[in-house]
Amino acid sequence: EGNVRRPDVNVVLKAYAPELMAIEGVTAVAVGKLDSGEDCVRIYVVALTDELRAQLPATLEGWPVDVEESGEIRPLDD
């Protein structure tokens, strides 16, 4: 597993971001770090429901996916 070549996590994020952001309930995607220090693709969601979890990948091109509840994200007023 540790020797498997994966594309750069930033390249993977950029490639999948539009598709992930199109899923209802997804508020943001970013590169994150797991508690182990390994890079991951982090998906922020309003609320993690079973239906939403079923639509989200567990890994993307070998990178782990971490899902975090962010609540509703809205732009700040000026």
Protein backbone atom coordinates (compact mmCIF):
# COMPACT_ATOMS: atom_id res chain seq x y z
CA GLU A 1 0.00 0.00 0.00
CA GLY A 2 2.71 2.50 0.98
CA ASN A 3 4.47 1.97 -2.35
CA VAL A 4 1.46 2.62 -4.58
CA ARG A 5 1.95 5.69 -6.75
CA ARG A 6 -0.90 8.15 -6.45
CA PRO A 7 -1.45 11.41 -8.29
CA ASP A 8 -0.79 14.52 -6.20
CA VAL A 9 -3.65 15.08 -3.73
CA ASN A 10 -4.13 18.66 -5.02
CA VAL A 11 -4.54 17.36 -8.58
CA VAL A 12 -7.09 14.79 -7.39
CA LEU A 13 -9.01 17.46 -5.43
CA LYS A 14 -9.14 19.79 -8.43
CA ALA A 15 -10.32 16.97 -10.71
CA TYR A 16 -13.15 15.84 -8.42
CA ALA A 17 -14.20 19.16 -6.83
CA PRO A 18 -16.93 20.05 -9.39
CA GLU A 19 -18.49 16.58 -9.12
CA LEU A 20 -18.33 16.61 -5.30
CA MET A 21 -19.68 20.17 -5.02
CA ALA A 22 -22.64 19.16 -7.22
CA ILE A 23 -23.84 16.73 -4.52
CA GLU A 24 -26.62 18.31 -2.50
CA GLY A 25 -25.46 18.96 1.05
CA VAL A 26 -21.75 19.35 0.20
CA THR A 27 -20.56 22.83 1.22
CA ALA A 28 -16.82 22.70 0.46
CA VAL A 29 -13.92 20.44 -0.47
CA ALA A 30 -10.28 20.85 0.53
CA VAL A 31 -7.04 19.03 1.10
CA GLY A 32 -6.82 18.07 4.78
CA LYS A 33 -4.72 15.96 7.10
CA LEU A 34 -5.85 12.89 8.99
CA ASP A 35 -4.90 12.45 12.66
CA SER A 36 -2.11 10.17 11.38
CA GLY A 37 -0.65 13.11 9.41
CA GLU A 38 -1.54 11.59 6.04
CA ASP A 39 -3.02 13.96 3.45
CA CYS A 40 -6.67 13.40 2.60
CA VAL A 41 -9.48 14.88 0.56
CA ARG A 42 -11.79 16.58 3.07
CA ILE A 43 -15.44 17.01 2.16
CA TYR A 44 -17.48 19.44 4.27
CA VAL A 45 -21.22 18.81 4.47
CA VAL A 46 -24.16 20.62 6.08
CA ALA A 47 -25.21 17.48 7.96
CA LEU A 48 -23.92 13.96 7.43
CA THR A 49 -26.94 11.77 6.74
CA ASP A 50 -26.85 8.11 5.71
CA GLU A 51 -28.13 9.11 2.26
CA LEU A 52 -25.35 11.68 1.84
CA ARG A 53 -22.65 9.31 3.10
CA ALA A 54 -23.80 6.75 0.51
CA GLN A 55 -23.09 9.31 -2.27
CA LEU A 56 -19.59 10.19 -1.05
CA PRO A 57 -16.50 8.13 -1.94
CA ALA A 58 -14.37 6.52 0.79
CA THR A 59 -11.23 7.14 -1.27
CA LEU A 60 -10.31 9.09 -4.42
CA GLU A 61 -7.47 7.71 -6.55
CA GLY A 62 -5.88 6.15 -3.49
CA TRP A 63 -6.32 9.14 -1.15
CA PRO A 64 -8.54 8.72 1.91
CA VAL A 65 -11.67 10.88 2.05
CA ASP A 66 -12.58 12.53 5.36
CA VAL A 67 -16.09 13.95 5.78
CA GLU A 68 -16.70 16.75 8.25
CA GLU A 69 -19.98 18.42 9.23
CA SER A 70 -19.66 22.16 8.78
CA GLY A 71 -23.28 23.22 9.02
CA GLU A 72 -24.58 25.78 6.53
CA ILE A 73 -21.83 27.94 5.00
CA ARG A 74 -22.89 31.39 3.85
CA PRO A 75 -20.90 34.40 2.68
CA LEU A 76 -20.35 37.04 5.36
CA ASP A 77 -22.18 40.34 4.99
CA ASP A 78 -19.97 43.37 4.33
